[in-house]
Amino acid sequence: MLHQIEKWIDQTNIEYQEQRISCSKFFDEFKGFYPLEFLQKSYFVIVDTIPKPDFPELRQMGLGDFIDMEVHGITYKNTYYVLPQQAPDLRLHFHELVHIAQWGHLGAIPFMERYITEIQTSGYDEAPLEKMAYAFDSHFTNGGEKIDVPNYVAQRIQGI
């Protein structure tokens, strides 16, 4: 199942490749939080509808609410998708970049396994990977001290 989802993700990212925008455009805003090299390898796409895999097996696993949930953004590997009205929201970009760091550190299959398990056992709002991303976007929005987010994620992700 996870390999089927990864194949769908890869196909989606290829489909939108020409529309990707480099996150290096946020270097000034996110300086001290995300290194330039990380931002240069991270992308976002503005879409009218957030792409989500809707396989019957995911619904059978109890993920129907997650699939149907309205979201402003979603991350697949090094690319995230945002709605036009959310595109100016730096907090959303910051949040999705945390997920890119998580995907990058864990790898695709382990990330998906963990994310799905967390949603199933804790629910979206209490899923540790989501809580980490929300804590970081709040820290950024509230003017918190600079933290190298990808490095922090790499150090702490096993313990959450």
N, C-alpha and C. Protein backbone atom coordinates (compact mmCIF):
# COMPACT_ATOMS: atom_id res chain seq x y z
N MET A 1 0.82 -1.20 0.00
CA MET A 1 0.00 0.00 0.00
C MET A 1 0.86 1.27 0.00
N LEU A 2 1.87 1.29 0.87
CA LEU A 2 2.72 2.47 0.97
C LEU A 2 3.49 2.72 -0.32
N HIS A 3 3.88 1.64 -0.98
CA HIS A 3 4.59 1.80 -2.26
C HIS A 3 3.64 2.36 -3.33
N GLN A 4 2.37 1.98 -3.24
CA GLN A 4 1.36 2.52 -4.16
C GLN A 4 1.19 4.03 -3.91
N ILE A 5 1.16 4.41 -2.64
CA ILE A 5 1.04 5.83 -2.30
C ILE A 5 2.28 6.60 -2.77
N GLU A 6 3.46 6.01 -2.55
CA GLU A 6 4.68 6.69 -2.98
C GLU A 6 4.70 6.87 -4.50
N LYS A 7 4.24 5.88 -5.21
CA LYS A 7 4.17 5.98 -6.67
C LYS A 7 3.22 7.12 -7.07
N TRP A 8 2.09 7.22 -6.38
CA TRP A 8 1.14 8.30 -6.63
C TRP A 8 1.79 9.66 -6.33
N ILE A 9 2.51 9.75 -5.21
CA ILE A 9 3.20 10.99 -4.83
C ILE A 9 4.22 11.38 -5.90
N ASP A 10 5.03 10.42 -6.32
CA ASP A 10 6.04 10.72 -7.33
C ASP A 10 5.38 11.20 -8.62
N GLN A 11 4.28 10.56 -9.01
CA GLN A 11 3.57 10.96 -10.22
C GLN A 11 2.98 12.37 -10.06
N THR A 12 2.44 12.66 -8.90
CA THR A 12 1.87 13.99 -8.62
C THR A 12 2.97 15.05 -8.70
N ASN A 13 4.09 14.79 -8.06
CA ASN A 13 5.19 15.76 -8.08
C ASN A 13 5.72 15.97 -9.50
N ILE A 14 5.76 14.92 -10.30
CA ILE A 14 6.19 15.06 -11.70
C ILE A 14 5.17 15.89 -12.48
N GLU A 15 3.90 15.60 -12.24
CA GLU A 15 2.81 16.30 -12.94
C GLU A 15 2.88 17.81 -12.73
N TYR A 16 3.28 18.23 -11.54
CA TYR A 16 3.31 19.66 -11.19
C TYR A 16 4.72 20.26 -11.27
N GLN A 17 5.67 19.50 -11.77
CA GLN A 17 7.07 19.93 -11.77
C GLN A 17 7.28 21.32 -12.40
N GLU A 18 6.60 21.59 -13.47
CA GLU A 18 6.78 22.87 -14.17
C GLU A 18 6.22 24.06 -13.38
N GLN A 19 5.34 23.79 -12.43
CA GLN A 19 4.71 24.86 -11.66
C GLN A 19 5.39 25.08 -10.29
N ARG A 20 6.39 24.27 -9.99
CA ARG A 20 7.04 24.39 -8.69
C ARG A 20 7.76 25.73 -8.55
N ILE A 21 7.73 26.25 -7.34
CA ILE A 21 8.42 27.49 -7.00
C ILE A 21 9.43 27.14 -5.91
N SER A 22 10.65 27.58 -6.07
CA SER A 22 11.69 27.28 -5.08
C SER A 22 11.43 28.04 -3.78
N CYS A 23 11.61 27.34 -2.68
CA CYS A 23 11.44 27.97 -1.37
C CYS A 23 12.61 28.87 -1.01
N SER A 24 13.62 28.93 -1.88
CA SER A 24 14.73 29.85 -1.63
C SER A 24 14.22 31.29 -1.62
N LYS A 25 13.04 31.52 -2.18
CA LYS A 25 12.45 32.87 -2.15
C LYS A 25 12.15 33.33 -0.73
N PHE A 26 12.10 32.38 0.23
CA PHE A 26 11.83 32.72 1.63
C PHE A 26 13.10 32.86 2.46
N PHE A 27 14.26 32.86 1.81
CA PHE A 27 15.51 32.86 2.55
C PHE A 27 15.58 34.02 3.55
N ASP A 28 15.25 35.23 3.13
CA ASP A 28 15.34 36.38 4.03
C ASP A 28 14.39 36.24 5.22
N GLU A 29 13.17 35.80 4.96
CA GLU A 29 12.17 35.66 6.02
C GLU A 29 12.53 34.54 7.00
N PHE A 30 13.11 33.46 6.48
CA PHE A 30 13.37 32.28 7.31
C PHE A 30 14.84 32.11 7.68
N LYS A 31 15.63 33.18 7.47
CA LYS A 31 17.07 33.12 7.75
C LYS A 31 17.28 32.74 9.22
N GLY A 32 18.18 31.78 9.43
CA GLY A 32 18.46 31.31 10.79
C GLY A 32 17.60 30.11 11.16
N PHE A 33 16.52 29.88 10.43
CA PHE A 33 15.65 28.72 10.67
C PHE A 33 15.90 27.63 9.63
N TYR A 34 16.05 28.05 8.38
CA TYR A 34 16.27 27.10 7.29
C TYR A 34 17.49 27.53 6.48
N PRO A 35 18.48 26.66 6.35
CA PRO A 35 19.65 27.00 5.54
C PRO A 35 19.26 27.17 4.06
N LEU A 36 19.99 28.00 3.35
CA LEU A 36 19.70 28.25 1.94
C LEU A 36 19.70 26.95 1.14
N GLU A 37 20.65 26.07 1.40
CA GLU A 37 20.73 24.81 0.65
C GLU A 37 19.45 24.00 0.81
N PHE A 38 18.89 24.00 2.02
CA PHE A 38 17.64 23.28 2.28
C PHE A 38 16.50 23.92 1.47
N LEU A 39 16.42 25.23 1.53
CA LEU A 39 15.35 25.95 0.81
C LEU A 39 15.47 25.76 -0.70
N GLN A 40 16.70 25.70 -1.21
CA GLN A 40 16.90 25.52 -2.64
C GLN A 40 16.43 24.15 -3.13
N LYS A 41 16.35 23.17 -2.23
CA LYS A 41 15.91 21.82 -2.60
C LYS A 41 14.46 21.57 -2.19
N SER A 42 13.76 22.62 -1.77
CA SER A 42 12.37 22.53 -1.33
C SER A 42 11.51 23.39 -2.24
N TYR A 43 10.30 22.92 -2.51
CA TYR A 43 9.44 23.60 -3.48
C TYR A 43 8.01 23.65 -3.00
N PHE A 44 7.26 24.61 -3.56
CA PHE A 44 5.82 24.63 -3.34
C PHE A 44 5.12 24.87 -4.66
N VAL A 45 3.86 24.47 -4.69
CA VAL A 45 3.02 24.61 -5.87
C VAL A 45 1.69 25.20 -5.42
N ILE A 46 1.25 26.22 -6.11
CA ILE A 46 -0.06 26.81 -5.82
C ILE A 46 -1.09 26.08 -6.69
N VAL A 47 -2.09 25.49 -6.04
CA VAL A 47 -3.10 24.68 -6.73
C VAL A 47 -4.49 25.10 -6.29
N ASP A 48 -5.46 24.88 -7.14
CA ASP A 48 -6.85 25.18 -6.79
C ASP A 48 -7.45 24.12 -5.88
N THR A 49 -6.95 22.90 -6.00
CA THR A 49 -7.40 21.79 -5.16
C THR A 49 -6.18 21.04 -4.65
N ILE A 50 -6.14 20.81 -3.34
CA ILE A 50 -5.01 20.09 -2.74
C ILE A 50 -5.06 18.63 -3.20
N PRO A 51 -3.99 18.14 -3.84
CA PRO A 51 -4.01 16.74 -4.28
C PRO A 51 -3.81 15.78 -3.09
N LYS A 52 -4.67 14.77 -3.04
CA LYS A 52 -4.56 13.75 -1.99
C LYS A 52 -4.83 12.38 -2.60
N PRO A 53 -4.10 11.37 -2.15
CA PRO A 53 -4.38 10.01 -2.63
C PRO A 53 -5.70 9.54 -2.01
N ASP A 54 -6.57 9.04 -2.81
CA ASP A 54 -7.85 8.58 -2.27
C ASP A 54 -8.06 7.12 -2.67
N PHE A 55 -7.25 6.26 -2.07
CA PHE A 55 -7.35 4.83 -2.33
C PHE A 55 -8.33 4.21 -1.34
N PRO A 56 -9.16 3.28 -1.79
CA PRO A 56 -10.11 2.63 -0.86
C PRO A 56 -9.41 2.04 0.36
N GLU A 57 -8.21 1.52 0.17
CA GLU A 57 -7.48 0.91 1.30
C GLU A 57 -7.20 1.92 2.42
N LEU A 58 -6.97 3.17 2.04
CA LEU A 58 -6.74 4.20 3.07
C LEU A 58 -8.00 4.44 3.88
N ARG A 59 -9.13 4.45 3.22
CA ARG A 59 -10.40 4.62 3.94
C ARG A 59 -10.66 3.41 4.84
N GLN A 60 -10.31 2.21 4.35
CA GLN A 60 -10.49 1.00 5.16
C GLN A 60 -9.60 1.03 6.39
N MET A 61 -8.49 1.76 6.31
CA MET A 61 -7.57 1.88 7.44
C MET A 61 -8.06 2.94 8.44
N GLY A 62 -9.21 3.55 8.16
CA GLY A 62 -9.76 4.55 9.06
C GLY A 62 -9.26 5.95 8.80
N LEU A 63 -8.74 6.20 7.60
CA LEU A 63 -8.18 7.51 7.28
C LEU A 63 -9.11 8.37 6.43
N GLY A 64 -10.36 7.98 6.34
CA GLY A 64 -11.33 8.73 5.54
C GLY A 64 -11.46 10.18 5.99
N ASP A 65 -11.51 10.39 7.31
CA ASP A 65 -11.64 11.77 7.82
C ASP A 65 -10.44 12.61 7.41
N PHE A 66 -9.26 12.01 7.44
CA PHE A 66 -8.05 12.74 7.04
C PHE A 66 -8.10 13.06 5.55
N ILE A 67 -8.49 12.09 4.74
CA ILE A 67 -8.57 12.30 3.29
C ILE A 67 -9.58 13.40 2.97
N ASP A 68 -10.70 13.41 3.69
CA ASP A 68 -11.77 14.37 3.41
C ASP A 68 -11.56 15.73 4.09
N MET A 69 -10.62 15.80 5.03
CA MET A 69 -10.38 17.03 5.78
C MET A 69 -9.92 18.15 4.85
N GLU A 70 -10.49 19.31 5.02
CA GLU A 70 -10.04 20.46 4.23
C GLU A 70 -8.74 20.97 4.83
N VAL A 71 -7.72 21.05 3.99
CA VAL A 71 -6.42 21.53 4.45
C VAL A 71 -5.97 22.68 3.56
N HIS A 72 -5.11 23.52 4.10
CA HIS A 72 -4.57 24.65 3.34
C HIS A 72 -3.28 24.29 2.62
N GLY A 73 -2.66 23.19 3.06
CA GLY A 73 -1.42 22.75 2.44
C GLY A 73 -1.16 21.29 2.76
N ILE A 74 -0.36 20.65 1.92
CA ILE A 74 0.04 19.26 2.16
C ILE A 74 1.41 19.05 1.53
N THR A 75 2.23 18.24 2.20
CA THR A 75 3.61 18.02 1.76
C THR A 75 3.80 16.59 1.29
N TYR A 76 4.46 16.48 0.13
CA TYR A 76 4.87 15.18 -0.41
C TYR A 76 6.35 15.27 -0.74
N LYS A 77 7.16 14.63 0.09
CA LYS A 77 8.61 14.62 -0.07
C LYS A 77 9.15 16.06 0.00
N ASN A 78 9.76 16.57 -1.08
CA ASN A 78 10.36 17.91 -1.02
C ASN A 78 9.47 18.99 -1.64
N THR A 79 8.19 18.67 -1.83
CA THR A 79 7.26 19.60 -2.47
C THR A 79 5.98 19.67 -1.67
N TYR A 80 5.49 20.87 -1.46
CA TYR A 80 4.18 21.00 -0.82
C TYR A 80 3.26 21.82 -1.69
N TYR A 81 1.98 21.62 -1.45
CA TYR A 81 0.91 22.21 -2.26
C TYR A 81 0.07 23.11 -1.38
N VAL A 82 -0.20 24.32 -1.87
CA VAL A 82 -0.99 25.28 -1.12
C VAL A 82 -2.08 25.87 -2.01
N LEU A 83 -3.15 26.30 -1.37
CA LEU A 83 -4.23 26.96 -2.09
C LEU A 83 -3.85 28.42 -2.35
N PRO A 84 -4.39 29.01 -3.41
CA PRO A 84 -4.02 30.40 -3.76
C PRO A 84 -4.21 31.40 -2.63
N GLN A 85 -5.31 31.27 -1.89
CA GLN A 85 -5.57 32.23 -0.81
C GLN A 85 -4.60 32.08 0.36
N GLN A 86 -3.93 30.91 0.48
CA GLN A 86 -2.97 30.69 1.56
C GLN A 86 -1.53 30.96 1.11
N ALA A 87 -1.31 31.14 -0.17
CA ALA A 87 0.05 31.31 -0.69
C ALA A 87 0.83 32.44 0.00
N PRO A 88 0.20 33.55 0.40
CA PRO A 88 0.98 34.61 1.07
C PRO A 88 1.30 34.33 2.55
N ASP A 89 0.76 33.26 3.12
CA ASP A 89 0.86 32.98 4.55
C ASP A 89 2.22 32.35 4.89
N LEU A 90 3.13 33.15 5.43
CA LEU A 90 4.46 32.65 5.78
C LEU A 90 4.40 31.53 6.81
N ARG A 91 3.46 31.63 7.72
CA ARG A 91 3.34 30.59 8.75
C ARG A 91 3.06 29.22 8.12
N LEU A 92 2.20 29.19 7.11
CA LEU A 92 1.90 27.94 6.42
C LEU A 92 3.14 27.39 5.71
N HIS A 93 3.87 28.25 5.05
CA HIS A 93 5.11 27.82 4.38
C HIS A 93 6.10 27.27 5.40
N PHE A 94 6.22 27.95 6.53
CA PHE A 94 7.14 27.50 7.58
C PHE A 94 6.74 26.10 8.04
N HIS A 95 5.44 25.91 8.28
CA HIS A 95 4.90 24.63 8.74
C HIS A 95 5.21 23.51 7.75
N GLU A 96 4.92 23.76 6.49
CA GLU A 96 5.13 22.71 5.47
C GLU A 96 6.62 22.40 5.30
N LEU A 97 7.47 23.39 5.49
CA LEU A 97 8.91 23.13 5.42
C LEU A 97 9.38 22.22 6.56
N VAL A 98 8.72 22.29 7.72
CA VAL A 98 9.04 21.34 8.80
C VAL A 98 8.75 19.93 8.29
N HIS A 99 7.62 19.77 7.60
CA HIS A 99 7.29 18.44 7.07
C HIS A 99 8.31 17.99 6.02
N ILE A 100 8.80 18.91 5.20
CA ILE A 100 9.84 18.52 4.24
C ILE A 100 11.07 18.01 4.98
N ALA A 101 11.44 18.66 6.08
CA ALA A 101 12.57 18.20 6.88
C ALA A 101 12.29 16.81 7.46
N GLN A 102 11.05 16.57 7.90
CA GLN A 102 10.68 15.26 8.44
C GLN A 102 10.75 14.18 7.36
N TRP A 103 10.17 14.47 6.19
CA TRP A 103 10.24 13.52 5.07
C TRP A 103 11.70 13.22 4.74
N GLY A 104 12.52 14.27 4.66
CA GLY A 104 13.91 14.11 4.28
C GLY A 104 14.70 13.27 5.26
N HIS A 105 14.43 13.47 6.54
CA HIS A 105 15.18 12.72 7.55
C HIS A 105 14.71 11.27 7.63
N LEU A 106 13.42 11.05 7.64
CA LEU A 106 12.90 9.70 7.81
C LEU A 106 12.93 8.88 6.52
N GLY A 107 12.77 9.53 5.37
CA GLY A 107 12.59 8.82 4.11
C GLY A 107 11.10 8.61 3.87
N ALA A 108 10.73 8.36 2.63
CA ALA A 108 9.32 8.34 2.24
C ALA A 108 8.51 7.25 2.95
N ILE A 109 8.91 6.01 2.83
CA ILE A 109 8.11 4.92 3.40
C ILE A 109 8.06 5.03 4.93
N PRO A 110 9.20 5.21 5.63
CA PRO A 110 9.11 5.36 7.09
C PRO A 110 8.28 6.58 7.51
N PHE A 111 8.38 7.69 6.77
CA PHE A 111 7.56 8.85 7.11
C PHE A 111 6.08 8.50 7.00
N MET A 112 5.69 7.91 5.88
CA MET A 112 4.27 7.58 5.68
C MET A 112 3.78 6.59 6.73
N GLU A 113 4.58 5.56 7.03
CA GLU A 113 4.19 4.59 8.07
C GLU A 113 3.93 5.30 9.39
N ARG A 114 4.87 6.13 9.75
CA ARG A 114 4.75 6.83 11.03
C ARG A 114 3.59 7.81 11.03
N TYR A 115 3.45 8.58 9.97
CA TYR A 115 2.39 9.58 9.90
C TYR A 115 1.02 8.90 9.98
N ILE A 116 0.83 7.84 9.20
CA ILE A 116 -0.45 7.13 9.21
C ILE A 116 -0.73 6.55 10.59
N THR A 117 0.26 5.93 11.20
CA THR A 117 0.09 5.35 12.54
C THR A 117 -0.28 6.43 13.56
N GLU A 118 0.39 7.57 13.48
CA GLU A 118 0.10 8.67 14.41
C GLU A 118 -1.31 9.19 14.23
N ILE A 119 -1.76 9.34 12.98
CA ILE A 119 -3.12 9.81 12.73
C ILE A 119 -4.13 8.79 13.26
N GLN A 120 -3.85 7.50 13.03
CA GLN A 120 -4.76 6.45 13.49
C GLN A 120 -4.85 6.38 15.01
N THR A 121 -3.71 6.52 15.68
CA THR A 121 -3.69 6.33 17.13
C THR A 121 -3.96 7.61 17.92
N SER A 122 -3.53 8.75 17.40
CA SER A 122 -3.64 9.99 18.17
C SER A 122 -4.60 11.00 17.57
N GLY A 123 -4.95 10.83 16.30
CA GLY A 123 -5.74 11.84 15.60
C GLY A 123 -4.81 12.92 15.06
N TYR A 124 -5.30 13.66 14.11
CA TYR A 124 -4.48 14.67 13.43
C TYR A 124 -3.89 15.68 14.41
N ASP A 125 -4.73 16.25 15.27
CA ASP A 125 -4.28 17.33 16.16
C ASP A 125 -3.24 16.89 17.17
N GLU A 126 -3.23 15.63 17.53
CA GLU A 126 -2.29 15.13 18.54
C GLU A 126 -1.16 14.30 17.94
N ALA A 127 -1.13 14.15 16.63
CA ALA A 127 -0.06 13.39 15.99
C ALA A 127 1.27 14.10 16.23
N PRO A 128 2.27 13.41 16.77
CA PRO A 128 3.54 14.07 17.10
C PRO A 128 4.22 14.80 15.94
N LEU A 129 4.17 14.24 14.73
CA LEU A 129 4.80 14.95 13.60
C LEU A 129 4.08 16.26 13.32
N GLU A 130 2.76 16.26 13.45
CA GLU A 130 2.00 17.51 13.26
C GLU A 130 2.25 18.48 14.41
N LYS A 131 2.28 17.94 15.62
CA LYS A 131 2.52 18.82 16.78
C LYS A 131 3.87 19.52 16.67
N MET A 132 4.89 18.79 16.15
CA MET A 132 6.21 19.39 15.95
C MET A 132 6.10 20.54 14.96
N ALA A 133 5.41 20.31 13.84
CA ALA A 133 5.29 21.35 12.81
C ALA A 133 4.51 22.56 13.34
N TYR A 134 3.43 22.31 14.08
CA TYR A 134 2.66 23.43 14.64
C TYR A 134 3.45 24.19 15.70
N ALA A 135 4.22 23.47 16.50
CA ALA A 135 5.05 24.14 17.52
C ALA A 135 6.08 25.05 16.84
N PHE A 136 6.68 24.57 15.77
CA PHE A 136 7.67 25.38 15.05
C PHE A 136 7.03 26.58 14.38
N ASP A 137 5.87 26.39 13.72
CA ASP A 137 5.29 27.55 13.03
C ASP A 137 4.83 28.59 14.05
N SER A 138 4.40 28.15 15.22
CA SER A 138 4.03 29.08 16.29
C SER A 138 5.27 29.81 16.82
N HIS A 139 6.34 29.08 17.03
CA HIS A 139 7.61 29.66 17.49
C HIS A 139 8.07 30.75 16.52
N PHE A 140 8.02 30.46 15.23
CA PHE A 140 8.41 31.43 14.20
C PHE A 140 7.49 32.65 14.22
N THR A 141 6.19 32.41 14.25
CA THR A 141 5.20 33.49 14.19
C THR A 141 5.31 34.42 15.41
N ASN A 142 5.68 33.83 16.55
CA ASN A 142 5.78 34.62 17.78
C ASN A 142 7.16 35.23 17.99
N GLY A 143 7.99 35.19 16.95
CA GLY A 143 9.30 35.84 17.03
C GLY A 143 10.32 35.11 17.88
N GLY A 144 10.19 33.78 17.97
CA GLY A 144 11.12 33.00 18.77
C GLY A 144 12.54 33.04 18.21
N GLU A 145 13.48 32.64 19.06
CA GLU A 145 14.88 32.65 18.64
C GLU A 145 15.10 31.70 17.47
N LYS A 146 16.13 32.02 16.70
CA LYS A 146 16.44 31.23 15.51
C LYS A 146 16.89 29.83 15.91
N ILE A 147 16.35 28.84 15.23
CA ILE A 147 16.71 27.44 15.44
C ILE A 147 16.87 26.82 14.06
N ASP A 148 17.93 26.08 13.83
CA ASP A 148 18.12 25.38 12.56
C ASP A 148 17.11 24.23 12.53
N VAL A 149 15.99 24.44 11.86
CA VAL A 149 14.89 23.50 11.89
C VAL A 149 15.27 22.12 11.34
N PRO A 150 15.87 22.01 10.15
CA PRO A 150 16.21 20.67 9.66
C PRO A 150 17.14 19.91 10.61
N ASN A 151 18.10 20.60 11.21
CA ASN A 151 19.01 19.97 12.16
C ASN A 151 18.26 19.54 13.42
N TYR A 152 17.38 20.39 13.92
CA TYR A 152 16.58 20.07 15.10
C TYR A 152 15.71 18.85 14.83
N VAL A 153 15.06 18.85 13.67
CA VAL A 153 14.20 17.71 13.31
C VAL A 153 15.03 16.43 13.30
N ALA A 154 16.19 16.47 12.68
CA ALA A 154 17.06 15.29 12.59
C ALA A 154 17.45 14.77 13.99
N GLN A 155 17.69 15.70 14.91
CA GLN A 155 18.12 15.31 16.25
C GLN A 155 16.97 14.79 17.10
N ARG A 156 15.78 15.36 16.90
CA ARG A 156 14.67 15.07 17.83
C ARG A 156 13.59 14.14 17.30
N ILE A 157 13.58 13.85 16.03
CA ILE A 157 12.44 13.15 15.45
C ILE A 157 12.27 11.73 16.01
N GLN A 158 13.37 11.09 16.37
CA GLN A 158 13.25 9.73 16.90
C GLN A 158 12.59 9.72 18.27
N GLY A 159 12.76 10.83 19.02
CA GLY A 159 12.25 10.85 20.38
C GLY A 159 10.82 11.33 20.52
N ILE A 160 10.22 11.79 19.43
CA ILE A 160 8.84 12.28 19.57
C ILE A 160 7.85 11.18 19.28
